[in-house]
Amino acid sequence: MPRPRFTLRIAMALVAMLCGWLGWQASIVRERNAVLEAVRTQRGLIFYHDASELPYVRQWMGDTAADWIMISKTSPRHLHDRIMRAFPRTQLSVVAQEGIEEFRPSAEQY
């Protein structure tokens, strides 16, 4: 039985597919980090959990997992949509700023 041939063309196609997949994962990580920074800018709260459920490649790229995100009612509507697209499994709570401040840890707790 003849052995299958592995040509340079096949190797280049596999490398191109791998690079495309890595680029897609990197864009997901960049968007998620940008969303988290926007939440912090709006004085929202992010409750993190163990990132072990994320793929190892995305952990290596700096991705984080969030359980719960709280943002103010006064935050822009497009931010709500961005959060839900970037973190589909995360619970999003839209509350008054006073409700967020109740959860914010105070300096004397540390």
Protein backbone atom coordinates (compact mmCIF):
# COMPACT_ATOMS: atom_id res chain seq x y z
CA MET A 1 0.00 0.00 0.00
CA PRO A 2 1.52 3.33 -1.00
CA ARG A 3 2.03 5.83 1.74
CA PRO A 4 0.08 9.14 1.48
CA ARG A 5 2.11 12.07 0.23
CA PHE A 6 2.50 15.13 2.40
CA THR A 7 3.26 18.05 0.12
CA LEU A 8 4.37 21.57 0.86
CA ARG A 9 1.01 22.80 -0.41
CA ILE A 10 -0.82 20.78 2.27
CA ALA A 11 1.59 22.02 4.96
CA MET A 12 1.01 25.63 3.92
CA ALA A 13 -2.76 25.14 3.96
CA LEU A 14 -2.61 23.66 7.48
CA VAL A 15 -0.42 26.52 8.72
CA ALA A 16 -2.81 29.06 7.16
CA MET A 17 -5.79 27.43 8.87
CA LEU A 18 -3.97 27.38 12.22
CA CYS A 19 -3.03 31.05 11.88
CA GLY A 20 -6.61 31.96 10.96
CA TRP A 21 -7.95 30.13 14.01
CA LEU A 22 -5.38 31.78 16.30
CA GLY A 23 -6.26 35.20 14.88
CA TRP A 24 -9.95 34.55 15.51
CA GLN A 25 -9.23 33.54 19.13
CA ALA A 26 -7.05 36.64 19.60
CA SER A 27 -9.86 38.88 18.34
CA ILE A 28 -12.25 37.29 20.86
CA VAL A 29 -9.79 37.95 23.69
CA ARG A 30 -9.23 41.56 22.58
CA GLU A 31 -12.97 42.24 22.44
CA ARG A 32 -13.60 40.68 25.86
CA ASN A 33 -10.79 42.71 27.43
CA ALA A 34 -12.10 45.90 25.77
CA VAL A 35 -15.59 45.19 27.16
CA LEU A 36 -14.21 44.67 30.66
CA GLU A 37 -12.30 47.95 30.41
CA ALA A 38 -15.49 49.73 29.28
CA VAL A 39 -17.35 48.29 32.28
CA ARG A 40 -14.62 49.57 34.60
CA THR A 41 -14.79 52.99 32.92
CA GLN A 42 -18.55 53.09 33.60
CA ARG A 43 -17.81 52.25 37.27
CA GLY A 44 -19.39 48.83 36.98
CA LEU A 45 -18.38 45.73 38.91
CA ILE A 46 -17.02 42.47 37.55
CA PHE A 47 -17.07 39.29 39.60
CA TYR A 48 -14.46 36.86 38.30
CA HIS A 49 -14.16 33.11 38.70
CA ASP A 50 -11.65 30.45 37.83
CA ALA A 51 -10.73 30.69 34.16
CA SER A 52 -9.99 26.96 33.88
CA GLU A 53 -13.12 26.42 31.77
CA LEU A 54 -11.66 28.64 29.04
CA PRO A 55 -9.56 27.03 26.33
CA TYR A 56 -5.87 26.98 27.24
CA VAL A 57 -4.94 29.07 24.19
CA ARG A 58 -7.27 31.89 25.26
CA GLN A 59 -5.99 31.74 28.85
CA TRP A 60 -2.47 32.07 27.45
CA MET A 61 -3.60 35.11 25.42
CA GLY A 62 -4.89 36.80 28.57
CA ASP A 63 -8.61 36.01 28.51
CA THR A 64 -10.55 36.04 31.77
CA ALA A 65 -13.85 34.51 32.78
CA ALA A 66 -16.54 36.51 34.55
CA ASP A 67 -19.49 35.17 36.52
CA TRP A 68 -21.41 38.37 37.01
CA ILE A 69 -21.21 41.91 35.66
CA MET A 70 -23.09 44.80 37.26
CA ILE A 71 -23.50 48.06 35.38
CA SER A 72 -25.45 51.21 36.01
CA LYS A 73 -28.80 52.02 34.39
CA THR A 74 -27.19 55.17 33.05
CA SER A 75 -24.59 53.25 31.03
CA PRO A 76 -25.09 53.29 27.25
CA ARG A 77 -27.39 50.65 25.77
CA HIS A 78 -24.76 49.54 23.25
CA LEU A 79 -22.54 48.52 26.19
CA HIS A 80 -25.24 46.11 27.39
CA ASP A 81 -25.34 44.51 23.94
CA ARG A 82 -21.54 44.34 23.75
CA ILE A 83 -21.36 42.62 27.14
CA MET A 84 -23.94 40.04 26.13
CA ARG A 85 -22.11 39.28 22.86
CA ALA A 86 -18.68 39.03 24.50
CA PHE A 87 -19.82 37.12 27.61
CA PRO A 88 -22.90 35.08 26.64
CA ARG A 89 -22.81 32.88 29.79
CA THR A 90 -22.26 35.74 32.23
CA GLN A 91 -25.09 37.13 34.31
CA LEU A 92 -25.61 40.85 33.58
CA SER A 93 -27.34 43.04 36.16
CA VAL A 94 -28.38 46.57 35.28
CA VAL A 95 -28.98 48.44 38.54
CA ALA A 96 -28.84 51.94 39.97
CA GLN A 97 -25.35 53.20 40.80
CA GLU A 98 -26.24 53.02 44.51
CA GLY A 99 -26.86 49.29 44.14
CA ILE A 100 -23.40 48.85 42.65
CA GLU A 101 -21.80 50.82 45.47
CA GLU A 102 -23.35 48.44 48.01
CA PHE A 103 -21.36 45.58 46.49
CA ARG A 104 -18.12 47.55 46.05
CA PRO A 105 -15.59 46.48 48.69
CA SER A 106 -14.49 49.24 51.02
CA ALA A 107 -10.83 50.00 51.81
CA GLU A 108 -11.12 48.95 55.47
CA GLN A 109 -11.99 45.37 54.43
CA TYR A 110 -8.42 44.89 53.24
